[in-house]
Amino acid sequence: MSEEKAARPAPEANAARPAAEVAAPLDLAEKGRRAGQVISLDRRLFMKFTAFGRCLDAEAAARALASDGAQAALYADANDPQGIGVMVASENPEYFVTNLRTLFSRLPFASA
């Protein structure tokens, strides 16, 4: 046990170090390789799945998604003849609380 305590720096030691050394910013970029070269991508794809019951017109729901320009897929629920699922993708996370929220509050989604 005494070895463990000796291996950890005392809290006062961190206080004396520059802030940049203590808490470096996280690198959240995706890393990979293309043609043998290391590449980095800082874009994200956000997705949201929403299930609806009592959807009497799945075609109307598909048209509403298309007319809104949503990058989405509409699924028929195998266990509910009036159920649908909507998977929406966007690189802008604000899309989900602005456009998509408004879309889901209008017909045909509002009645589901």
PDB file of N, CA and C in Angstrom:
ATOM      1  N   MET A   1       0.798  -1.188   0.000  1.00  0.00           N
ATOM      2  CA  MET A   1       0.000   0.000   0.000  1.00  0.00           C
ATOM      3  C   MET A   1       0.846   1.259   0.000  1.00  0.00           C
ATOM      4  N   SER A   2       1.924   1.244   0.743  1.00  0.00           N
ATOM      5  CA  SER A   2       2.753   2.439   0.817  1.00  0.00           C
ATOM      6  C   SER A   2       3.340   2.765  -0.555  1.00  0.00           C
ATOM      7  N   GLU A   3       3.579   1.743  -1.401  1.00  0.00           N
ATOM      8  CA  GLU A   3       4.096   1.989  -2.742  1.00  0.00           C
ATOM      9  C   GLU A   3       3.058   2.712  -3.590  1.00  0.00           C
ATOM     10  N   GLU A   4       1.752   2.351  -3.441  1.00  0.00           N
ATOM     11  CA  GLU A   4       0.697   3.015  -4.203  1.00  0.00           C
ATOM     12  C   GLU A   4       0.629   4.493  -3.863  1.00  0.00           C
ATOM     13  N   LYS A   5       0.716   4.803  -2.596  1.00  0.00           N
ATOM     14  CA  LYS A   5       0.640   6.204  -2.187  1.00  0.00           C
ATOM     15  C   LYS A   5       1.835   6.983  -2.714  1.00  0.00           C
ATOM     16  N   ALA A   6       2.971   6.370  -2.761  1.00  0.00           N
ATOM     17  CA  ALA A   6       4.164   7.046  -3.243  1.00  0.00           C
ATOM     18  C   ALA A   6       4.089   7.263  -4.750  1.00  0.00           C
ATOM     19  N   ALA A   7       3.415   6.387  -5.488  1.00  0.00           N
ATOM     20  CA  ALA A   7       3.349   6.492  -6.941  1.00  0.00           C
ATOM     21  C   ALA A   7       2.411   7.601  -7.393  1.00  0.00           C
ATOM     22  N   ARG A   8       1.406   7.946  -6.595  1.00  0.00           N
ATOM     23  CA  ARG A   8       0.450   8.994  -6.955  1.00  0.00           C
ATOM     24  C   ARG A   8       1.004  10.363  -6.587  1.00  0.00           C
ATOM     25  N   PRO A   9       0.892  11.339  -7.512  1.00  0.00           N
ATOM     26  CA  PRO A   9       1.353  12.682  -7.134  1.00  0.00           C
ATOM     27  C   PRO A   9       0.389  13.303  -6.145  1.00  0.00           C
ATOM     28  N   ALA A  10       0.920  14.049  -5.242  1.00  0.00           N
ATOM     29  CA  ALA A  10       0.087  14.738  -4.250  1.00  0.00           C
ATOM     30  C   ALA A  10      -0.751  15.797  -4.953  1.00  0.00           C
ATOM     31  N   PRO A  11      -1.950  16.104  -4.429  1.00  0.00           N
ATOM     32  CA  PRO A  11      -2.792  17.139  -5.051  1.00  0.00           C
ATOM     33  C   PRO A  11      -2.078  18.480  -5.194  1.00  0.00           C
ATOM     34  N   GLU A  12      -1.183  18.803  -4.257  1.00  0.00           N
ATOM     35  CA  GLU A  12      -0.457  20.059  -4.325  1.00  0.00           C
ATOM     36  C   GLU A  12       0.461  20.080  -5.549  1.00  0.00           C
ATOM     37  N   ALA A  13       0.934  18.914  -5.985  1.00  0.00           N
ATOM     38  CA  ALA A  13       1.826  18.846  -7.140  1.00  0.00           C
ATOM     39  C   ALA A  13       1.087  19.268  -8.404  1.00  0.00           C
ATOM     40  N   ASN A  14      -0.180  18.888  -8.539  1.00  0.00           N
ATOM     41  CA  ASN A  14      -0.970  19.297  -9.697  1.00  0.00           C
ATOM     42  C   ASN A  14      -1.238  20.792  -9.687  1.00  0.00           C
ATOM     43  N   ALA A  15      -1.412  21.375  -8.517  1.00  0.00           N
ATOM     44  CA  ALA A  15      -1.702  22.802  -8.411  1.00  0.00           C
ATOM     45  C   ALA A  15      -0.522  23.626  -8.919  1.00  0.00           C
ATOM     46  N   ALA A  16       0.689  23.114  -8.782  1.00  0.00           N
ATOM     47  CA  ALA A  16       1.873  23.849  -9.195  1.00  0.00           C
ATOM     48  C   ALA A  16       2.129  23.729 -10.694  1.00  0.00           C
ATOM     49  N   ARG A  17       1.492  22.762 -11.354  1.00  0.00           N
ATOM     50  CA  ARG A  17       1.713  22.556 -12.785  1.00  0.00           C
ATOM     51  C   ARG A  17       0.849  23.517 -13.593  1.00  0.00           C
ATOM     52  N   PRO A  18       1.296  23.912 -14.777  1.00  0.00           N
ATOM     53  CA  PRO A  18       0.473  24.775 -15.634  1.00  0.00           C
ATOM     54  C   PRO A  18      -0.837  24.074 -15.994  1.00  0.00           C
ATOM     55  N   ALA A  19      -1.901  24.847 -16.156  1.00  0.00           N
ATOM     56  CA  ALA A  19      -3.232  24.299 -16.439  1.00  0.00           C
ATOM     57  C   ALA A  19      -3.239  23.465 -17.718  1.00  0.00           C
ATOM     58  N   ALA A  20      -2.442  23.835 -18.713  1.00  0.00           N
ATOM     59  CA  ALA A  20      -2.406  23.090 -19.973  1.00  0.00           C
ATOM     60  C   ALA A  20      -1.905  21.664 -19.765  1.00  0.00           C
ATOM     61  N   GLU A  21      -1.017  21.470 -18.825  1.00  0.00           N
ATOM     62  CA  GLU A  21      -0.498  20.138 -18.560  1.00  0.00           C
ATOM     63  C   GLU A  21      -1.475  19.300 -17.740  1.00  0.00           C
ATOM     64  N   VAL A  22      -2.250  19.945 -16.897  1.00  0.00           N
ATOM     65  CA  VAL A  22      -3.169  19.230 -16.018  1.00  0.00           C
ATOM     66  C   VAL A  22      -4.369  18.719 -16.784  1.00  0.00           C
ATOM     67  N   ALA A  23      -5.003  19.564 -17.594  1.00  0.00           N
ATOM     68  CA  ALA A  23      -6.223  19.180 -18.297  1.00  0.00           C
ATOM     69  C   ALA A  23      -6.121  19.568 -19.764  1.00  0.00           C
ATOM     70  N   ALA A  24      -5.486  18.735 -20.547  1.00  0.00           N
ATOM     71  CA  ALA A  24      -5.380  18.989 -21.980  1.00  0.00           C
ATOM     72  C   ALA A  24      -6.745  18.748 -22.626  1.00  0.00           C
ATOM     73  N   PRO A  25      -7.105  19.509 -23.654  1.00  0.00           N
ATOM     74  CA  PRO A  25      -8.398  19.294 -24.310  1.00  0.00           C
ATOM     75  C   PRO A  25      -8.451  17.903 -24.958  1.00  0.00           C
ATOM     76  N   LEU A  26      -9.628  17.336 -24.931  1.00  0.00           N
ATOM     77  CA  LEU A  26      -9.806  16.011 -25.510  1.00  0.00           C
ATOM     78  C   LEU A  26      -9.795  16.082 -27.024  1.00  0.00           C
ATOM     79  N   ASP A  27      -9.141  15.140 -27.653  1.00  0.00           N
ATOM     80  CA  ASP A  27      -9.153  15.019 -29.106  1.00  0.00           C
ATOM     81  C   ASP A  27     -10.263  14.029 -29.461  1.00  0.00           C
ATOM     82  N   LEU A  28     -11.401  14.545 -29.936  1.00  0.00           N
ATOM     83  CA  LEU A  28     -12.552  13.707 -30.240  1.00  0.00           C
ATOM     84  C   LEU A  28     -12.661  13.359 -31.717  1.00  0.00           C
ATOM     85  N   ALA A  29     -11.660  13.707 -32.495  1.00  0.00           N
ATOM     86  CA  ALA A  29     -11.692  13.440 -33.929  1.00  0.00           C
ATOM     87  C   ALA A  29     -11.632  11.927 -34.196  1.00  0.00           C
ATOM     88  N   GLU A  30     -12.354  11.522 -35.217  1.00  0.00           N
ATOM     89  CA  GLU A  30     -12.297  10.125 -35.657  1.00  0.00           C
ATOM     90  C   GLU A  30     -10.990   9.931 -36.415  1.00  0.00           C
ATOM     91  N   LYS A  31     -10.324   8.835 -36.143  1.00  0.00           N
ATOM     92  CA  LYS A  31      -9.044   8.549 -36.785  1.00  0.00           C
ATOM     93  C   LYS A  31      -9.202   7.330 -37.692  1.00  0.00           C
ATOM     94  N   GLY A  32      -8.455   7.328 -38.782  1.00  0.00           N
ATOM     95  CA  GLY A  32      -8.480   6.194 -39.693  1.00  0.00           C
ATOM     96  C   GLY A  32      -7.365   6.326 -40.709  1.00  0.00           C
ATOM     97  N   ARG A  33      -7.454   5.492 -41.729  1.00  0.00           N
ATOM     98  CA  ARG A  33      -6.457   5.537 -42.804  1.00  0.00           C
ATOM     99  C   ARG A  33      -7.167   5.476 -44.143  1.00  0.00           C
ATOM    100  N   ARG A  34      -6.634   6.222 -45.088  1.00  0.00           N
ATOM    101  CA  ARG A  34      -7.098   6.178 -46.469  1.00  0.00           C
ATOM    102  C   ARG A  34      -5.860   6.120 -47.346  1.00  0.00           C
ATOM    103  N   ALA A  35      -5.767   5.083 -48.142  1.00  0.00           N
ATOM    104  CA  ALA A  35      -4.612   4.885 -49.020  1.00  0.00           C
ATOM    105  C   ALA A  35      -3.305   4.925 -48.236  1.00  0.00           C
ATOM    106  N   GLY A  36      -3.317   4.365 -47.033  1.00  0.00           N
ATOM    107  CA  GLY A  36      -2.126   4.286 -46.207  1.00  0.00           C
ATOM    108  C   GLY A  36      -1.806   5.548 -45.427  1.00  0.00           C
ATOM    109  N   GLN A  37      -2.529   6.619 -45.669  1.00  0.00           N
ATOM    110  CA  GLN A  37      -2.296   7.875 -44.973  1.00  0.00           C
ATOM    111  C   GLN A  37      -3.262   8.009 -43.802  1.00  0.00           C
ATOM    112  N   VAL A  38      -2.753   8.489 -42.672  1.00  0.00           N
ATOM    113  CA  VAL A  38      -3.591   8.722 -41.501  1.00  0.00           C
ATOM    114  C   VAL A  38      -4.508   9.914 -41.795  1.00  0.00           C
ATOM    115  N   ILE A  39      -5.811   9.727 -41.525  1.00  0.00           N
ATOM    116  CA  ILE A  39      -6.765  10.810 -41.707  1.00  0.00           C
ATOM    117  C   ILE A  39      -7.503  11.050 -40.395  1.00  0.00           C
ATOM    118  N   SER A  40      -8.042  12.232 -40.265  1.00  0.00           N
ATOM    119  CA  SER A  40      -8.779  12.620 -39.070  1.00  0.00           C
ATOM    120  C   SER A  40     -10.032  13.359 -39.517  1.00  0.00           C
ATOM    121  N   LEU A  41     -11.154  13.048 -38.886  1.00  0.00           N
ATOM    122  CA  LEU A  41     -12.424  13.664 -39.242  1.00  0.00           C
ATOM    123  C   LEU A  41     -13.091  14.195 -37.981  1.00  0.00           C
ATOM    124  N   ASP A  42     -13.482  15.465 -38.001  1.00  0.00           N
ATOM    125  CA  ASP A  42     -14.108  16.039 -36.814  1.00  0.00           C
ATOM    126  C   ASP A  42     -15.613  16.246 -36.990  1.00  0.00           C
ATOM    127  N   ARG A  43     -16.217  15.625 -37.997  1.00  0.00           N
ATOM    128  CA  ARG A  43     -17.660  15.707 -38.193  1.00  0.00           C
ATOM    129  C   ARG A  43     -18.338  14.550 -37.466  1.00  0.00           C
ATOM    130  N   ARG A  44     -19.596  14.765 -37.071  1.00  0.00           N
ATOM    131  CA  ARG A  44     -20.371  13.750 -36.371  1.00  0.00           C
ATOM    132  C   ARG A  44     -21.705  13.572 -37.065  1.00  0.00           C
ATOM    133  N   LEU A  45     -22.246  12.383 -36.998  1.00  0.00           N
ATOM    134  CA  LEU A  45     -23.582  12.097 -37.504  1.00  0.00           C
ATOM    135  C   LEU A  45     -24.446  11.751 -36.301  1.00  0.00           C
ATOM    136  N   PHE A  46     -25.470  12.545 -36.069  1.00  0.00           N
ATOM    137  CA  PHE A  46     -26.386  12.325 -34.957  1.00  0.00           C
ATOM    138  C   PHE A  46     -27.622  11.614 -35.495  1.00  0.00           C
ATOM    139  N   MET A  47     -28.145  10.672 -34.732  1.00  0.00           N
ATOM    140  CA  MET A  47     -29.316   9.916 -35.159  1.00  0.00           C
ATOM    141  C   MET A  47     -30.321   9.824 -34.028  1.00  0.00           C
ATOM    142  N   LYS A  48     -31.604   9.745 -34.419  1.00  0.00           N
ATOM    143  CA  LYS A  48     -32.680   9.617 -33.443  1.00  0.00           C
ATOM    144  C   LYS A  48     -33.721   8.677 -34.020  1.00  0.00           C
ATOM    145  N   PHE A  49     -34.133   7.713 -33.219  1.00  0.00           N
ATOM    146  CA  PHE A  49     -35.211   6.796 -33.595  1.00  0.00           C
ATOM    147  C   PHE A  49     -36.430   7.127 -32.753  1.00  0.00           C
ATOM    148  N   THR A  50     -37.571   7.268 -33.406  1.00  0.00           N
ATOM    149  CA  THR A  50     -38.829   7.537 -32.720  1.00  0.00           C
ATOM    150  C   THR A  50     -39.870   6.551 -33.219  1.00  0.00           C
ATOM    151  N   ALA A  51     -40.578   5.925 -32.298  1.00  0.00           N
ATOM    152  CA  ALA A  51     -41.648   4.987 -32.652  1.00  0.00           C
ATOM    153  C   ALA A  51     -42.992   5.650 -32.421  1.00  0.00           C
ATOM    154  N   PHE A  52     -43.921   5.387 -33.325  1.00  0.00           N
ATOM    155  CA  PHE A  52     -45.275   5.932 -33.232  1.00  0.00           C
ATOM    156  C   PHE A  52     -46.267   4.786 -33.324  1.00  0.00           C
ATOM    157  N   GLY A  53     -47.304   4.852 -32.539  1.00  0.00           N
ATOM    158  CA  GLY A  53     -48.430   3.930 -32.646  1.00  0.00           C
ATOM    159  C   GLY A  53     -49.616   4.679 -33.242  1.00  0.00           C
ATOM    160  N   ARG A  54     -50.641   3.962 -33.591  1.00  0.00           N
ATOM    161  CA  ARG A  54     -51.865   4.530 -34.160  1.00  0.00           C
ATOM    162  C   ARG A  54     -51.601   5.390 -35.395  1.00  0.00           C
ATOM    163  N   CYS A  55     -50.628   5.005 -36.215  1.00  0.00           N
ATOM    164  CA  CYS A  55     -50.375   5.706 -37.469  1.00  0.00           C
ATOM    165  C   CYS A  55     -51.263   5.061 -38.527  1.00  0.00           C
ATOM    166  N   LEU A  56     -52.304   5.766 -38.930  1.00  0.00           N
ATOM    167  CA  LEU A  56     -53.275   5.198 -39.872  1.00  0.00           C
ATOM    168  C   LEU A  56     -52.841   5.345 -41.319  1.00  0.00           C
ATOM    169  N   ASP A  57     -51.863   6.210 -41.606  1.00  0.00           N
ATOM    170  CA  ASP A  57     -51.413   6.433 -42.977  1.00  0.00           C
ATOM    171  C   ASP A  57     -49.896   6.586 -43.019  1.00  0.00           C
ATOM    172  N   ALA A  58     -49.212   5.467 -43.177  1.00  0.00           N
ATOM    173  CA  ALA A  58     -47.746   5.492 -43.214  1.00  0.00           C
ATOM    174  C   ALA A  58     -47.241   6.229 -44.449  1.00  0.00           C
ATOM    175  N   GLU A  59     -47.995   6.186 -45.536  1.00  0.00           N
ATOM    176  CA  GLU A  59     -47.598   6.906 -46.747  1.00  0.00           C
ATOM    177  C   GLU A  59     -47.582   8.417 -46.493  1.00  0.00           C
ATOM    178  N   ALA A  60     -48.561   8.919 -45.751  1.00  0.00           N
ATOM    179  CA  ALA A  60     -48.595  10.345 -45.412  1.00  0.00           C
ATOM    180  C   ALA A  60     -47.392  10.715 -44.555  1.00  0.00           C
ATOM    181  N   ALA A  61     -46.998   9.833 -43.663  1.00  0.00           N
ATOM    182  CA  ALA A  61     -45.821  10.079 -42.829  1.00  0.00           C
ATOM    183  C   ALA A  61     -44.565  10.134 -43.698  1.00  0.00           C
ATOM    184  N   ALA A  62     -44.454   9.238 -44.657  1.00  0.00           N
ATOM    185  CA  ALA A  62     -43.300   9.233 -45.562  1.00  0.00           C
ATOM    186  C   ALA A  62     -43.267  10.510 -46.395  1.00  0.00           C
ATOM    187  N   ARG A  63     -44.423  10.946 -46.871  1.00  0.00           N
ATOM    188  CA  ARG A  63     -44.488  12.191 -47.654  1.00  0.00           C
ATOM    189  C   ARG A  63     -44.095  13.395 -46.797  1.00  0.00           C
ATOM    190  N   ALA A  64     -44.550  13.421 -45.542  1.00  0.00           N
ATOM    191  CA  ALA A  64     -44.215  14.532 -44.650  1.00  0.00           C
ATOM    192  C   ALA A  64     -42.706  14.586 -44.406  1.00  0.00           C
ATOM    193  N   LEU A  65     -42.077  13.448 -44.206  1.00  0.00           N
ATOM    194  CA  LEU A  65     -40.622  13.408 -44.015  1.00  0.00           C
ATOM    195  C   LEU A  65     -39.902  13.905 -45.265  1.00  0.00           C
ATOM    196  N   ALA A  66     -40.359  13.447 -46.438  1.00  0.00           N
ATOM    197  CA  ALA A  66     -39.727  13.842 -47.694  1.00  0.00           C
ATOM    198  C   ALA A  66     -39.910  15.337 -47.964  1.00  0.00           C
ATOM    199  N   SER A  67     -41.103  15.861 -47.725  1.00  0.00           N
ATOM    200  CA  SER A  67     -41.348  17.281 -47.996  1.00  0.00           C
ATOM    201  C   SER A  67     -40.570  18.175 -47.046  1.00  0.00           C
ATOM    202  N   ASP A  68     -40.271  17.689 -45.855  1.00  0.00           N
ATOM    203  CA  ASP A  68     -39.460  18.444 -44.898  1.00  0.00           C
ATOM    204  C   ASP A  68     -37.975  18.368 -45.235  1.00  0.00           C
ATOM    205  N   GLY A  69     -37.589  17.436 -46.093  1.00  0.00           N
ATOM    206  CA  GLY A  69     -36.183  17.255 -46.436  1.00  0.00           C
ATOM    207  C   GLY A  69     -35.414  16.461 -45.403  1.00  0.00           C
ATOM    208  N   ALA A  70     -36.129  15.744 -44.550  1.00  0.00           N
ATOM    209  CA  ALA A  70     -35.471  14.948 -43.506  1.00  0.00           C
ATOM    210  C   ALA A  70     -34.687  13.799 -44.124  1.00  0.00           C
ATOM    211  N   GLN A  71     -33.493  13.584 -43.622  1.00  0.00           N
ATOM    212  CA  GLN A  71     -32.707  12.414 -44.009  1.00  0.00           C
ATOM    213  C   GLN A  71     -33.166  11.292 -43.091  1.00  0.00           C
ATOM    214  N   ALA A  72     -34.142  10.517 -43.554  1.00  0.00           N
ATOM    215  CA  ALA A  72     -34.818   9.591 -42.655  1.00  0.00           C
ATOM    216  C   ALA A  72     -35.188   8.297 -43.358  1.00  0.00           C
ATOM    217  N   ALA A  73     -35.468   7.301 -42.533  1.00  0.00           N
ATOM    218  CA  ALA A  73     -36.024   6.025 -42.997  1.00  0.00           C
ATOM    219  C   ALA A  73     -37.265   5.758 -42.165  1.00  0.00           C
ATOM    220  N   LEU A  74     -38.311   5.280 -42.825  1.00  0.00           N
ATOM    221  CA  LEU A  74     -39.558   4.962 -42.136  1.00  0.00           C
ATOM    222  C   LEU A  74     -39.726   3.450 -42.160  1.00  0.00           C
ATOM    223  N   TYR A  75     -39.995   2.875 -41.006  1.00  0.00           N
ATOM    224  CA  TYR A  75     -40.129   1.429 -40.861  1.00  0.00           C
ATOM    225  C   TYR A  75     -41.541   1.076 -40.425  1.00  0.00           C
ATOM    226  N   ALA A  76     -42.066  -0.032 -40.942  1.00  0.00           N
ATOM    227  CA  ALA A  76     -43.341  -0.567 -40.470  1.00  0.00           C
ATOM    228  C   ALA A  76     -43.045  -1.464 -39.274  1.00  0.00           C
ATOM    229  N   ASP A  77     -43.832  -1.340 -38.221  1.00  0.00           N
ATOM    230  CA  ASP A  77     -43.664  -2.137 -37.011  1.00  0.00           C
ATOM    231  C   ASP A  77     -44.226  -3.535 -37.265  1.00  0.00           C
ATOM    232  N   ALA A  78     -43.416  -4.554 -37.103  1.00  0.00           N
ATOM    233  CA  ALA A  78     -43.841  -5.931 -37.353  1.00  0.00           C
ATOM    234  C   ALA A  78     -44.821  -6.423 -36.300  1.00  0.00           C
ATOM    235  N   ASN A  79     -44.829  -5.807 -35.127  1.00  0.00           N
ATOM    236  CA  ASN A  79     -45.693  -6.267 -34.046  1.00  0.00           C
ATOM    237  C   ASN A  79     -46.953  -5.426 -33.865  1.00  0.00           C
ATOM    238  N   ASP A  80     -47.040  -4.312 -34.566  1.00  0.00           N
ATOM    239  CA  ASP A  80     -48.184  -3.412 -34.442  1.00  0.00           C
ATOM    240  C   ASP A  80     -48.596  -2.982 -35.845  1.00  0.00           C
ATOM    241  N   PRO A  81     -49.776  -3.394 -36.313  1.00  0.00           N
ATOM    242  CA  PRO A  81     -50.181  -3.050 -37.682  1.00  0.00           C
ATOM    243  C   PRO A  81     -50.344  -1.550 -37.909  1.00  0.00           C
ATOM    244  N   GLN A  82     -50.474  -0.758 -36.851  1.00  0.00           N
ATOM    245  CA  GLN A  82     -50.571   0.699 -36.993  1.00  0.00           C
ATOM    246  C   GLN A  82     -49.334   1.402 -36.456  1.00  0.00           C
ATOM    247  N   GLY A  83     -48.275   0.660 -36.231  1.00  0.00           N
ATOM    248  CA  GLY A  83     -47.048   1.244 -35.693  1.00  0.00           C
ATOM    249  C   GLY A  83     -46.013   1.493 -36.770  1.00  0.00           C
ATOM    250  N   ILE A  84     -45.290   2.595 -36.615  1.00  0.00           N
ATOM    251  CA  ILE A  84     -44.168   2.908 -37.497  1.00  0.00           C
ATOM    252  C   ILE A  84     -42.983   3.343 -36.642  1.00  0.00           C
ATOM    253  N   GLY A  85     -41.817   3.277 -37.226  1.00  0.00           N
ATOM    254  CA  GLY A  85     -40.610   3.809 -36.607  1.00  0.00           C
ATOM    255  C   GLY A  85     -39.939   4.743 -37.584  1.00  0.00           C
ATOM    256  N   VAL A  86     -39.376   5.825 -37.080  1.00  0.00           N
ATOM    257  CA  VAL A  86     -38.702   6.803 -37.930  1.00  0.00           C
ATOM    258  C   VAL A  86     -37.284   6.983 -37.409  1.00  0.00           C
ATOM    259  N   MET A  87     -36.308   6.722 -38.270  1.00  0.00           N
ATOM    260  CA  MET A  87     -34.897   6.949 -37.958  1.00  0.00           C
ATOM    261  C   MET A  87     -34.452   8.166 -38.750  1.00  0.00           C
ATOM    262  N   VAL A  88     -33.994   9.195 -38.040  1.00  0.00           N
ATOM    263  CA  VAL A  88     -33.576  10.447 -38.672  1.00  0.00           C
ATOM    264  C   VAL A  88     -32.098  10.665 -38.379  1.00  0.00           C
ATOM    265  N   ALA A  89     -31.362  11.127 -39.383  1.00  0.00           N
ATOM    266  CA  ALA A  89     -29.933  11.406 -39.228  1.00  0.00           C
ATOM    267  C   ALA A  89     -29.651  12.843 -39.655  1.00  0.00           C
ATOM    268  N   SER A  90     -28.740  13.493 -38.942  1.00  0.00           N
ATOM    269  CA  SER A  90     -28.327  14.848 -39.282  1.00  0.00           C
ATOM    270  C   SER A  90     -26.952  15.111 -38.688  1.00  0.00           C
ATOM    271  N   GLU A  91     -26.166  15.915 -39.388  1.00  0.00           N
ATOM    272  CA  GLU A  91     -24.880  16.343 -38.832  1.00  0.00           C
ATOM    273  C   GLU A  91     -25.056  17.518 -37.881  1.00  0.00           C
ATOM    274  N   ASN A  92     -26.230  18.119 -37.882  1.00  0.00           N
ATOM    275  CA  ASN A  92     -26.512  19.260 -37.021  1.00  0.00           C
ATOM    276  C   ASN A  92     -27.415  18.809 -35.877  1.00  0.00           C
ATOM    277  N   PRO A  93     -26.929  18.759 -34.645  1.00  0.00           N
ATOM    278  CA  PRO A  93     -27.760  18.289 -33.543  1.00  0.00           C
ATOM    279  C   PRO A  93     -28.957  19.201 -33.258  1.00  0.00           C
ATOM    280  N   GLU A  94     -28.869  20.465 -33.652  1.00  0.00           N
ATOM    281  CA  GLU A  94     -29.992  21.379 -33.447  1.00  0.00           C
ATOM    282  C   GLU A  94     -31.202  20.997 -34.294  1.00  0.00           C
ATOM    283  N   TYR A  95     -30.987  20.285 -35.372  1.00  0.00           N
ATOM    284  CA  TYR A  95     -32.088  19.864 -36.248  1.00  0.00           C
ATOM    285  C   TYR A  95     -33.168  19.113 -35.462  1.00  0.00           C
ATOM    286  N   PHE A  96     -32.749  18.332 -34.485  1.00  0.00           N
ATOM    287  CA  PHE A  96     -33.684  17.476 -33.749  1.00  0.00           C
ATOM    288  C   PHE A  96     -34.609  18.281 -32.824  1.00  0.00           C
ATOM    289  N   VAL A  97     -34.133  19.399 -32.310  1.00  0.00           N
ATOM    290  CA  VAL A  97     -34.957  20.201 -31.408  1.00  0.00           C
ATOM    291  C   VAL A  97     -35.624  21.375 -32.109  1.00  0.00           C
ATOM    292  N   THR A  98     -35.332  21.553 -33.381  1.00  0.00           N
ATOM    293  CA  THR A  98     -35.988  22.623 -34.133  1.00  0.00           C
ATOM    294  C   THR A  98     -36.896  22.000 -35.192  1.00  0.00           C
ATOM    295  N   ASN A  99     -36.343  21.667 -36.344  1.00  0.00           N
ATOM    296  CA  ASN A  99     -37.131  21.158 -37.470  1.00  0.00           C
ATOM    297  C   ASN A  99     -37.880  19.878 -37.144  1.00  0.00           C
ATOM    298  N   LEU A 100     -37.182  18.890 -36.597  1.00  0.00           N
ATOM    299  CA  LEU A 100     -37.823  17.599 -36.362  1.00  0.00           C
ATOM    300  C   LEU A 100     -38.913  17.700 -35.302  1.00  0.00           C
ATOM    301  N   ARG A 101     -38.672  18.466 -34.280  1.00  0.00           N
ATOM    302  CA  ARG A 101     -39.696  18.662 -33.243  1.00  0.00           C
ATOM    303  C   ARG A 101     -40.955  19.283 -33.847  1.00  0.00           C
ATOM    304  N   THR A 102     -40.769  20.276 -34.700  1.00  0.00           N
ATOM    305  CA  THR A 102     -41.902  20.914 -35.374  1.00  0.00           C
ATOM    306  C   THR A 102     -42.616  19.928 -36.287  1.00  0.00           C
ATOM    307  N   LEU A 103     -41.860  19.162 -37.042  1.00  0.00           N
ATOM    308  CA  LEU A 103     -42.448  18.161 -37.942  1.00  0.00           C
ATOM    309  C   LEU A 103     -43.274  17.138 -37.176  1.00  0.00           C
ATOM    310  N   PHE A 104     -42.733  16.644 -36.066  1.00  0.00           N
ATOM    311  CA  PHE A 104     -43.449  15.630 -35.287  1.00  0.00           C
ATOM    312  C   PHE A 104     -44.659  16.201 -34.544  1.00  0.00           C
ATOM    313  N   SER A 105     -44.758  17.524 -34.450  1.00  0.00           N
ATOM    314  CA  SER A 105     -45.917  18.106 -33.786  1.00  0.00           C
ATOM    315  C   SER A 105     -47.061  18.413 -34.768  1.00  0.00           C
ATOM    316  N   ARG A 106     -46.832  18.134 -36.058  1.00  0.00           N
ATOM    317  CA  ARG A 106     -47.857  18.337 -37.089  1.00  0.00           C
ATOM    318  C   ARG A 106     -48.387  16.986 -37.565  1.00  0.00           C
ATOM    319  N   LEU A 107     -49.528  17.018 -38.252  1.00  0.00           N
ATOM    320  CA  LEU A 107     -50.078  15.800 -38.842  1.00  0.00           C
ATOM    321  C   LEU A 107     -49.132  15.286 -39.909  1.00  0.00           C
ATOM    322  N   PRO A 108     -48.995  14.025 -40.117  1.00  0.00           N
ATOM    323  CA  PRO A 108     -49.723  12.925 -39.513  1.00  0.00           C
ATOM    324  C   PRO A 108     -49.132  12.433 -38.195  1.00  0.00           C
ATOM    325  N   PHE A 109     -47.973  12.976 -37.804  1.00  0.00           N
ATOM    326  CA  PHE A 109     -47.311  12.482 -36.595  1.00  0.00           C
ATOM    327  C   PHE A 109     -48.053  12.898 -35.316  1.00  0.00           C
ATOM    328  N   ALA A 110     -48.644  14.091 -35.316  1.00  0.00           N
ATOM    329  CA  ALA A 110     -49.312  14.597 -34.112  1.00  0.00           C
ATOM    330  C   ALA A 110     -50.466  13.712 -33.687  1.00  0.00           C
ATOM    331  N   SER A 111     -51.090  13.005 -34.618  1.00  0.00           N
ATOM    332  CA  SER A 111     -52.232  12.158 -34.266  1.00  0.00           C
ATOM    333  C   SER A 111     -51.797  10.749 -33.868  1.00  0.00           C
ATOM    334  N   ALA A 112     -50.523  10.437 -34.066  1.00  0.00           N
ATOM    335  CA  ALA A 112     -50.021   9.092 -33.747  1.00  0.00           C
ATOM    336  C   ALA A 112     -49.600   9.007 -32.287  1.00  0.00           C
TER     337      ALA A 112
END
